[in-house]
Amino acid sequence: MLPAMRYRLGIEYQGTRYHGWQGQQNARTVQGDLLRCARELFGVPVEIQGSGRTDAGVHAIGQVAHLETPKPLPEERIV
């Protein structure tokens, strides 16, 4: 297995339509949307961990997370 690539993500969002950071099966979350987009971009399973969590409806500026994937991509493609 290839070593995982780790990317630092700087995130900001309006949390009005989110049920917080952490993924939930029956609710839209920031982590859930990021995972969905990253899986489409990389074409393989990824993991995303946040440096903290937000509650439902909370906005964020400068939140940090990291993404791990076995498939590297150029940073400009990820942005």
C-alpha atoms as a PDB file:
ATOM      1  CA  MET A   1       0.000   0.000   0.000  1.00  0.00           C
ATOM      2  CA  LEU A   2       1.234   3.473  -0.851  1.00  0.00           C
ATOM      3  CA  PRO A   3       1.930   5.888   1.993  1.00  0.00           C
ATOM      4  CA  ALA A   4      -0.875   8.346   2.580  1.00  0.00           C
ATOM      5  CA  MET A   5      -0.570  11.907   1.374  1.00  0.00           C
ATOM      6  CA  ARG A   6      -1.687  14.472   3.936  1.00  0.00           C
ATOM      7  CA  TYR A   7      -3.006  17.876   2.947  1.00  0.00           C
ATOM      8  CA  ARG A   8      -3.729  20.750   5.326  1.00  0.00           C
ATOM      9  CA  LEU A   9      -7.054  22.434   4.625  1.00  0.00           C
ATOM     10  CA  GLY A  10      -7.954  25.979   5.618  1.00  0.00           C
ATOM     11  CA  ILE A  11     -11.756  26.200   5.716  1.00  0.00           C
ATOM     12  CA  GLU A  12     -14.352  28.902   6.093  1.00  0.00           C
ATOM     13  CA  TYR A  13     -18.091  28.520   5.719  1.00  0.00           C
ATOM     14  CA  GLN A  14     -21.517  29.858   6.578  1.00  0.00           C
ATOM     15  CA  GLY A  15     -22.945  27.215   8.873  1.00  0.00           C
ATOM     16  CA  THR A  16     -26.601  28.162   8.528  1.00  0.00           C
ATOM     17  CA  ARG A  17     -27.501  25.063   6.489  1.00  0.00           C
ATOM     18  CA  TYR A  18     -25.197  22.665   8.311  1.00  0.00           C
ATOM     19  CA  HIS A  19     -25.861  20.492  11.338  1.00  0.00           C
ATOM     20  CA  GLY A  20     -22.350  21.128  12.640  1.00  0.00           C
ATOM     21  CA  TRP A  21     -18.951  19.779  11.645  1.00  0.00           C
ATOM     22  CA  GLN A  22     -19.029  16.065  12.405  1.00  0.00           C
ATOM     23  CA  GLY A  23     -20.509  13.674   9.843  1.00  0.00           C
ATOM     24  CA  GLN A  24     -23.992  12.336  10.558  1.00  0.00           C
ATOM     25  CA  GLN A  25     -25.967   9.820   8.532  1.00  0.00           C
ATOM     26  CA  ASN A  26     -29.188  11.795   8.199  1.00  0.00           C
ATOM     27  CA  ALA A  27     -28.002  15.408   8.285  1.00  0.00           C
ATOM     28  CA  ARG A  28     -25.892  17.711   6.126  1.00  0.00           C
ATOM     29  CA  THR A  29     -22.563  18.462   7.817  1.00  0.00           C
ATOM     30  CA  VAL A  30     -19.368  20.263   6.875  1.00  0.00           C
ATOM     31  CA  GLN A  31     -17.259  17.096   7.201  1.00  0.00           C
ATOM     32  CA  GLY A  32     -19.810  15.147   5.162  1.00  0.00           C
ATOM     33  CA  ASP A  33     -19.759  17.642   2.282  1.00  0.00           C
ATOM     34  CA  LEU A  34     -15.947  17.810   2.315  1.00  0.00           C
ATOM     35  CA  LEU A  35     -15.710  13.992   2.225  1.00  0.00           C
ATOM     36  CA  ARG A  36     -18.129  13.770  -0.691  1.00  0.00           C
ATOM     37  CA  CYS A  37     -16.227  16.383  -2.711  1.00  0.00           C
ATOM     38  CA  ALA A  38     -12.819  14.889  -1.884  1.00  0.00           C
ATOM     39  CA  ARG A  39     -13.936  11.391  -2.919  1.00  0.00           C
ATOM     40  CA  GLU A  40     -15.113  12.797  -6.261  1.00  0.00           C
ATOM     41  CA  LEU A  41     -11.852  14.722  -6.736  1.00  0.00           C
ATOM     42  CA  PHE A  42      -9.446  11.929  -5.777  1.00  0.00           C
ATOM     43  CA  GLY A  43     -11.539   8.985  -6.972  1.00  0.00           C
ATOM     44  CA  VAL A  44     -10.569   6.934  -3.915  1.00  0.00           C
ATOM     45  CA  PRO A  45     -11.646   6.823  -0.261  1.00  0.00           C
ATOM     46  CA  VAL A  46     -10.251   9.693   1.829  1.00  0.00           C
ATOM     47  CA  GLU A  47     -10.263  10.638   5.489  1.00  0.00           C
ATOM     48  CA  ILE A  48     -10.825  14.153   6.785  1.00  0.00           C
ATOM     49  CA  GLN A  49     -10.208  15.181  10.377  1.00  0.00           C
ATOM     50  CA  GLY A  50     -11.007  18.606  11.747  1.00  0.00           C
ATOM     51  CA  SER A  51      -9.056  20.464  14.399  1.00  0.00           C
ATOM     52  CA  GLY A  52     -12.302  21.162  16.182  1.00  0.00           C
ATOM     53  CA  ARG A  53     -16.037  20.885  15.786  1.00  0.00           C
ATOM     54  CA  THR A  54     -18.818  23.391  15.360  1.00  0.00           C
ATOM     55  CA  ASP A  55     -22.441  23.152  16.392  1.00  0.00           C
ATOM     56  CA  ALA A  56     -25.408  23.429  14.047  1.00  0.00           C
ATOM     57  CA  GLY A  57     -25.687  26.853  12.417  1.00  0.00           C
ATOM     58  CA  VAL A  58     -22.222  28.046  13.482  1.00  0.00           C
ATOM     59  CA  HIS A  59     -20.049  29.870  10.918  1.00  0.00           C
ATOM     60  CA  ALA A  60     -16.281  29.389  10.675  1.00  0.00           C
ATOM     61  CA  ILE A  61     -13.317  31.419   9.453  1.00  0.00           C
ATOM     62  CA  GLY A  62      -9.869  29.844   9.488  1.00  0.00           C
ATOM     63  CA  GLN A  63     -10.903  26.389  10.680  1.00  0.00           C
ATOM     64  CA  VAL A  64      -8.172  23.816  10.004  1.00  0.00           C
ATOM     65  CA  ALA A  65      -8.548  20.186   8.950  1.00  0.00           C
ATOM     66  CA  HIS A  66      -6.407  17.604   7.226  1.00  0.00           C
ATOM     67  CA  LEU A  67      -7.200  15.227   4.413  1.00  0.00           C
ATOM     68  CA  GLU A  68      -5.430  11.889   3.937  1.00  0.00           C
ATOM     69  CA  THR A  69      -5.479   9.921   0.705  1.00  0.00           C
ATOM     70  CA  PRO A  70      -3.246   7.324  -0.970  1.00  0.00           C
ATOM     71  CA  LYS A  71      -3.520   9.226  -4.268  1.00  0.00           C
ATOM     72  CA  PRO A  72      -1.496  12.442  -4.592  1.00  0.00           C
ATOM     73  CA  LEU A  73      -2.761  15.388  -6.635  1.00  0.00           C
ATOM     74  CA  PRO A  74      -1.139  18.752  -7.314  1.00  0.00           C
ATOM     75  CA  GLU A  75      -2.194  21.316  -4.708  1.00  0.00           C
ATOM     76  CA  GLU A  76      -3.552  23.691  -7.359  1.00  0.00           C
ATOM     77  CA  ARG A  77      -5.980  20.943  -8.467  1.00  0.00           C
ATOM     78  CA  ILE A  78      -7.278  20.543  -4.910  1.00  0.00           C
ATOM     79  CA  VAL A  79      -7.921  24.248  -4.423  1.00  0.00           C
END
